[in-house]
Structure formats: C-alpha cells, structure tokens
Amino acid sequence: MGGRAADLIALVDKQAAHGNFRAWARITKLATDGLTAQGGTRIDEHLLRQVYDRIGIRT
C-alpha cells in the first residue's frame, strides 16, 4: 500500500470511522457501491466526500 493510500485511510479513521468496526464496514460498503456505480477503480477524496454526505458527516 502506498503512502497516499495510508494517508487516506488515516484521514477516514480520524474524520469518520474513529476506529469503530461498524463505521468502517458502512464506509467501505458505501465506497465500493460508489465505485461500482461510477465505474471507478480507486477510492479517492471525491468519492469519500460523497460517502460522508450519505452518512451525514461534515468535514
């Protein structure tokens, strides 16, 4: 895993998941659903903002 991916994981944990397994599961499910819908292959900050909107997190 590259440094950028590790940074993104740390950011999601800080902003939304807070080390909580259920939160991570929900974020992961919504992100993979978003990738499928958009035909994407990588989770990026734009996709995470969409996930955050769906779960009601403002950063």
PDB file of N, CA and C in Angstrom:
ATOM      1  N   MET A   1       0.860  -1.176   0.000  1.00  0.00           N
ATOM      2  CA  MET A   1       0.000   0.000   0.000  1.00  0.00           C
ATOM      3  C   MET A   1       0.899   1.229   0.000  1.00  0.00           C
ATOM      4  N   GLY A   2       0.602   2.151  -0.883  1.00  0.00           N
ATOM      5  CA  GLY A   2       1.398   3.365  -0.988  1.00  0.00           C
ATOM      6  C   GLY A   2       1.117   4.347   0.132  1.00  0.00           C
ATOM      7  N   GLY A   3       1.983   5.339   0.251  1.00  0.00           N
ATOM      8  CA  GLY A   3       1.830   6.347   1.282  1.00  0.00           C
ATOM      9  C   GLY A   3       0.539   7.126   1.174  1.00  0.00           C
ATOM     10  N   ARG A   4       0.110   7.418  -0.052  1.00  0.00           N
ATOM     11  CA  ARG A   4      -1.138   8.163  -0.255  1.00  0.00           C
ATOM     12  C   ARG A   4      -2.335   7.374   0.250  1.00  0.00           C
ATOM     13  N   ALA A   5      -2.352   6.072  -0.021  1.00  0.00           N
ATOM     14  CA  ALA A   5      -3.453   5.220   0.441  1.00  0.00           C
ATOM     15  C   ALA A   5      -3.468   5.169   1.971  1.00  0.00           C
ATOM     16  N   ALA A   6      -2.318   5.043   2.569  1.00  0.00           N
ATOM     17  CA  ALA A   6      -2.236   5.003   4.033  1.00  0.00           C
ATOM     18  C   ALA A   6      -2.709   6.326   4.634  1.00  0.00           C
ATOM     19  N   ASP A   7      -2.359   7.430   3.984  1.00  0.00           N
ATOM     20  CA  ASP A   7      -2.808   8.745   4.446  1.00  0.00           C
ATOM     21  C   ASP A   7      -4.325   8.865   4.355  1.00  0.00           C
ATOM     22  N   LEU A   8      -4.897   8.340   3.275  1.00  0.00           N
ATOM     23  CA  LEU A   8      -6.348   8.391   3.086  1.00  0.00           C
ATOM     24  C   LEU A   8      -7.058   7.544   4.145  1.00  0.00           C
ATOM     25  N   ILE A   9      -6.510   6.382   4.446  1.00  0.00           N
ATOM     26  CA  ILE A   9      -7.082   5.520   5.487  1.00  0.00           C
ATOM     27  C   ILE A   9      -7.039   6.231   6.838  1.00  0.00           C
ATOM     28  N   ALA A  10      -5.917   6.851   7.149  1.00  0.00           N
ATOM     29  CA  ALA A  10      -5.793   7.577   8.416  1.00  0.00           C
ATOM     30  C   ALA A  10      -6.781   8.738   8.478  1.00  0.00           C
ATOM     31  N   LEU A  11      -6.970   9.429   7.363  1.00  0.00           N
ATOM     32  CA  LEU A  11      -7.910  10.547   7.312  1.00  0.00           C
ATOM     33  C   LEU A  11      -9.342  10.070   7.550  1.00  0.00           C
ATOM     34  N   VAL A  12      -9.739   8.982   6.901  1.00  0.00           N
ATOM     35  CA  VAL A  12     -11.094   8.449   7.083  1.00  0.00           C
ATOM     36  C   VAL A  12     -11.296   8.027   8.532  1.00  0.00           C
ATOM     37  N   ASP A  13     -10.301   7.400   9.117  1.00  0.00           N
ATOM     38  CA  ASP A  13     -10.443   6.977  10.506  1.00  0.00           C
ATOM     39  C   ASP A  13     -10.601   8.186  11.427  1.00  0.00           C
ATOM     40  N   LYS A  14      -9.826   9.222  11.176  1.00  0.00           N
ATOM     41  CA  LYS A  14      -9.902  10.426  12.008  1.00  0.00           C
ATOM     42  C   LYS A  14     -11.231  11.164  11.828  1.00  0.00           C
ATOM     43  N   GLN A  15     -11.681  11.295  10.577  1.00  0.00           N
ATOM     44  CA  GLN A  15     -12.872  12.087  10.297  1.00  0.00           C
ATOM     45  C   GLN A  15     -14.181  11.345  10.517  1.00  0.00           C
ATOM     46  N   ALA A  16     -14.179  10.035  10.312  1.00  0.00           N
ATOM     47  CA  ALA A  16     -15.465   9.349  10.272  1.00  0.00           C
ATOM     48  C   ALA A  16     -15.528   8.029  11.030  1.00  0.00           C
ATOM     49  N   ALA A  17     -14.537   7.187  10.917  1.00  0.00           N
ATOM     50  CA  ALA A  17     -14.647   5.831  11.462  1.00  0.00           C
ATOM     51  C   ALA A  17     -14.261   5.743  12.936  1.00  0.00           C
ATOM     52  N   HIS A  18     -13.289   6.514  13.358  1.00  0.00           N
ATOM     53  CA  HIS A  18     -12.862   6.579  14.756  1.00  0.00           C
ATOM     54  C   HIS A  18     -12.535   5.200  15.336  1.00  0.00           C
ATOM     55  N   GLY A  19     -11.946   4.323  14.498  1.00  0.00           N
ATOM     56  CA  GLY A  19     -11.553   3.002  14.958  1.00  0.00           C
ATOM     57  C   GLY A  19     -12.714   2.049  15.194  1.00  0.00           C
ATOM     58  N   ASN A  20     -13.902   2.429  14.768  1.00  0.00           N
ATOM     59  CA  ASN A  20     -15.098   1.625  15.004  1.00  0.00           C
ATOM     60  C   ASN A  20     -15.348   0.696  13.817  1.00  0.00           C
ATOM     61  N   PHE A  21     -15.407  -0.620  14.088  1.00  0.00           N
ATOM     62  CA  PHE A  21     -15.572  -1.597  13.014  1.00  0.00           C
ATOM     63  C   PHE A  21     -16.849  -1.370  12.220  1.00  0.00           C
ATOM     64  N   ARG A  22     -17.947  -1.116  12.889  1.00  0.00           N
ATOM     65  CA  ARG A  22     -19.221  -0.897  12.174  1.00  0.00           C
ATOM     66  C   ARG A  22     -19.158   0.323  11.272  1.00  0.00           C
ATOM     67  N   ALA A  23     -18.519   1.372  11.748  1.00  0.00           N
ATOM     68  CA  ALA A  23     -18.371   2.577  10.923  1.00  0.00           C
ATOM     69  C   ALA A  23     -17.513   2.264   9.693  1.00  0.00           C
ATOM     70  N   TRP A  24     -16.423   1.523   9.900  1.00  0.00           N
ATOM     71  CA  TRP A  24     -15.577   1.141   8.770  1.00  0.00           C
ATOM     72  C   TRP A  24     -16.348   0.279   7.784  1.00  0.00           C
ATOM     73  N   ALA A  25     -17.147  -0.655   8.281  1.00  0.00           N
ATOM     74  CA  ALA A  25     -17.928  -1.520   7.393  1.00  0.00           C
ATOM     75  C   ALA A  25     -18.895  -0.697   6.552  1.00  0.00           C
ATOM     76  N   ARG A  26     -19.562   0.252   7.175  1.00  0.00           N
ATOM     77  CA  ARG A  26     -20.527   1.095   6.452  1.00  0.00           C
ATOM     78  C   ARG A  26     -19.825   1.963   5.413  1.00  0.00           C
ATOM     79  N   ILE A  27     -18.723   2.578   5.795  1.00  0.00           N
ATOM     80  CA  ILE A  27     -17.961   3.423   4.878  1.00  0.00           C
ATOM     81  C   ILE A  27     -17.451   2.592   3.704  1.00  0.00           C
ATOM     82  N   THR A  28     -16.927   1.414   4.001  1.00  0.00           N
ATOM     83  CA  THR A  28     -16.405   0.538   2.956  1.00  0.00           C
ATOM     84  C   THR A  28     -17.505   0.120   1.993  1.00  0.00           C
ATOM     85  N   LYS A  29     -18.664  -0.260   2.521  1.00  0.00           N
ATOM     86  CA  LYS A  29     -19.792  -0.676   1.676  1.00  0.00           C
ATOM     87  C   LYS A  29     -20.240   0.472   0.769  1.00  0.00           C
ATOM     88  N   LEU A  30     -20.410   1.649   1.338  1.00  0.00           N
ATOM     89  CA  LEU A  30     -20.847   2.791   0.536  1.00  0.00           C
ATOM     90  C   LEU A  30     -19.796   3.182  -0.502  1.00  0.00           C
ATOM     91  N   ALA A  31     -18.533   3.096  -0.133  1.00  0.00           N
ATOM     92  CA  ALA A  31     -17.464   3.444  -1.073  1.00  0.00           C
ATOM     93  C   ALA A  31     -17.396   2.439  -2.221  1.00  0.00           C
ATOM     94  N   THR A  32     -17.514   1.160  -1.929  1.00  0.00           N
ATOM     95  CA  THR A  32     -17.476   0.166  -3.003  1.00  0.00           C
ATOM     96  C   THR A  32     -18.722   0.261  -3.877  1.00  0.00           C
ATOM     97  N   ASP A  33     -19.862   0.550  -3.278  1.00  0.00           N
ATOM     98  CA  ASP A  33     -21.073   0.781  -4.079  1.00  0.00           C
ATOM     99  C   ASP A  33     -20.879   1.980  -5.009  1.00  0.00           C
ATOM    100  N   GLY A  34     -20.263   3.036  -4.485  1.00  0.00           N
ATOM    101  CA  GLY A  34     -19.992   4.225  -5.292  1.00  0.00           C
ATOM    102  C   GLY A  34     -19.031   3.931  -6.432  1.00  0.00           C
ATOM    103  N   LEU A  35     -18.005   3.141  -6.151  1.00  0.00           N
ATOM    104  CA  LEU A  35     -17.070   2.755  -7.215  1.00  0.00           C
ATOM    105  C   LEU A  35     -17.784   1.989  -8.320  1.00  0.00           C
ATOM    106  N   THR A  36     -18.624   1.063  -7.923  1.00  0.00           N
ATOM    107  CA  THR A  36     -19.364   0.265  -8.902  1.00  0.00           C
ATOM    108  C   THR A  36     -20.268   1.153  -9.741  1.00  0.00           C
ATOM    109  N   ALA A  37     -20.991   2.045  -9.088  1.00  0.00           N
ATOM    110  CA  ALA A  37     -21.924   2.931  -9.800  1.00  0.00           C
ATOM    111  C   ALA A  37     -21.198   3.865 -10.768  1.00  0.00           C
ATOM    112  N   GLN A  38     -20.002   4.298 -10.378  1.00  0.00           N
ATOM    113  CA  GLN A  38     -19.255   5.253 -11.198  1.00  0.00           C
ATOM    114  C   GLN A  38     -18.282   4.570 -12.157  1.00  0.00           C
ATOM    115  N   GLY A  39     -18.143   3.257 -12.029  1.00  0.00           N
ATOM    116  CA  GLY A  39     -17.185   2.547 -12.868  1.00  0.00           C
ATOM    117  C   GLY A  39     -15.753   2.843 -12.485  1.00  0.00           C
ATOM    118  N   GLY A  40     -15.552   3.244 -11.239  1.00  0.00           N
ATOM    119  CA  GLY A  40     -14.214   3.590 -10.776  1.00  0.00           C
ATOM    120  C   GLY A  40     -13.430   2.383 -10.300  1.00  0.00           C
ATOM    121  N   THR A  41     -12.154   2.617 -10.060  1.00  0.00           N
ATOM    122  CA  THR A  41     -11.275   1.552  -9.576  1.00  0.00           C
ATOM    123  C   THR A  41     -10.525   1.929  -8.312  1.00  0.00           C
ATOM    124  N   ARG A  42     -10.593   3.203  -7.932  1.00  0.00           N
ATOM    125  CA  ARG A  42      -9.869   3.658  -6.743  1.00  0.00           C
ATOM    126  C   ARG A  42     -10.749   4.582  -5.913  1.00  0.00           C
ATOM    127  N   ILE A  43     -10.655   4.416  -4.629  1.00  0.00           N
ATOM    128  CA  ILE A  43     -11.351   5.328  -3.712  1.00  0.00           C
ATOM    129  C   ILE A  43     -10.487   6.575  -3.571  1.00  0.00           C
ATOM    130  N   ASP A  44     -11.102   7.727  -3.803  1.00  0.00           N
ATOM    131  CA  ASP A  44     -10.372   8.983  -3.681  1.00  0.00           C
ATOM    132  C   ASP A  44     -11.156   9.941  -2.786  1.00  0.00           C
ATOM    133  N   GLU A  45     -10.612  11.124  -2.599  1.00  0.00           N
ATOM    134  CA  GLU A  45     -11.242  12.091  -1.699  1.00  0.00           C
ATOM    135  C   GLU A  45     -12.618  12.522  -2.195  1.00  0.00           C
ATOM    136  N   HIS A  46     -12.803  12.620  -3.497  1.00  0.00           N
ATOM    137  CA  HIS A  46     -14.114  12.993  -4.048  1.00  0.00           C
ATOM    138  C   HIS A  46     -15.161  11.934  -3.686  1.00  0.00           C
ATOM    139  N   LEU A  47     -14.829  10.679  -3.874  1.00  0.00           N
ATOM    140  CA  LEU A  47     -15.752   9.601  -3.531  1.00  0.00           C
ATOM    141  C   LEU A  47     -16.022   9.590  -2.023  1.00  0.00           C
ATOM    142  N   LEU A  48     -14.996   9.824  -1.228  1.00  0.00           N
ATOM    143  CA  LEU A  48     -15.205   9.849   0.227  1.00  0.00           C
ATOM    144  C   LEU A  48     -16.131  10.980   0.644  1.00  0.00           C
ATOM    145  N   ARG A  49     -16.054  12.121  -0.023  1.00  0.00           N
ATOM    146  CA  ARG A  49     -16.988  13.215   0.289  1.00  0.00           C
ATOM    147  C   ARG A  49     -18.422  12.789   0.006  1.00  0.00           C
ATOM    148  N   GLN A  50     -18.624  12.032  -1.071  1.00  0.00           N
ATOM    149  CA  GLN A  50     -19.961  11.516  -1.374  1.00  0.00           C
ATOM    150  C   GLN A  50     -20.421  10.546  -0.293  1.00  0.00           C
ATOM    151  N   VAL A  51     -19.521   9.690   0.166  1.00  0.00           N
ATOM    152  CA  VAL A  51     -19.851   8.750   1.245  1.00  0.00           C
ATOM    153  C   VAL A  51     -20.192   9.527   2.508  1.00  0.00           C
ATOM    154  N   TYR A  52     -19.371  10.506   2.842  1.00  0.00           N
ATOM    155  CA  TYR A  52     -19.629  11.316   4.037  1.00  0.00           C
ATOM    156  C   TYR A  52     -20.997  11.999   3.950  1.00  0.00           C
ATOM    157  N   ASP A  53     -21.349  12.493   2.779  1.00  0.00           N
ATOM    158  CA  ASP A  53     -22.680  13.113   2.601  1.00  0.00           C
ATOM    159  C   ASP A  53     -23.783  12.104   2.899  1.00  0.00           C
ATOM    160  N   ARG A  54     -23.602  10.868   2.449  1.00  0.00           N
ATOM    161  CA  ARG A  54     -24.630   9.834   2.655  1.00  0.00           C
ATOM    162  C   ARG A  54     -24.785   9.480   4.125  1.00  0.00           C
ATOM    163  N   ILE A  55     -23.707   9.557   4.897  1.00  0.00           N
ATOM    164  CA  ILE A  55     -23.792   9.180   6.312  1.00  0.00           C
ATOM    165  C   ILE A  55     -23.896  10.391   7.239  1.00  0.00           C
ATOM    166  N   GLY A  56     -23.934  11.591   6.636  1.00  0.00           N
ATOM    167  CA  GLY A  56     -24.172  12.789   7.434  1.00  0.00           C
ATOM    168  C   GLY A  56     -22.965  13.328   8.165  1.00  0.00           C
ATOM    169  N   ILE A  57     -21.783  13.133   7.603  1.00  0.00           N
ATOM    170  CA  ILE A  57     -20.565  13.661   8.232  1.00  0.00           C
ATOM    171  C   ILE A  57     -20.102  14.878   7.446  1.00  0.00           C
ATOM    172  N   ARG A  58     -19.872  15.963   8.146  1.00  0.00           N
ATOM    173  CA  ARG A  58     -19.359  17.187   7.546  1.00  0.00           C
ATOM    174  C   ARG A  58     -17.935  17.384   8.013  1.00  0.00           C
ATOM    175  N   THR A  59     -17.043  17.659   7.058  1.00  0.00           N
ATOM    176  CA  THR A  59     -15.633  17.868   7.422  1.00  0.00           C
ATOM    177  C   THR A  59     -15.246  19.297   7.206  1.00  0.00           C
TER     178      THR A  59
END
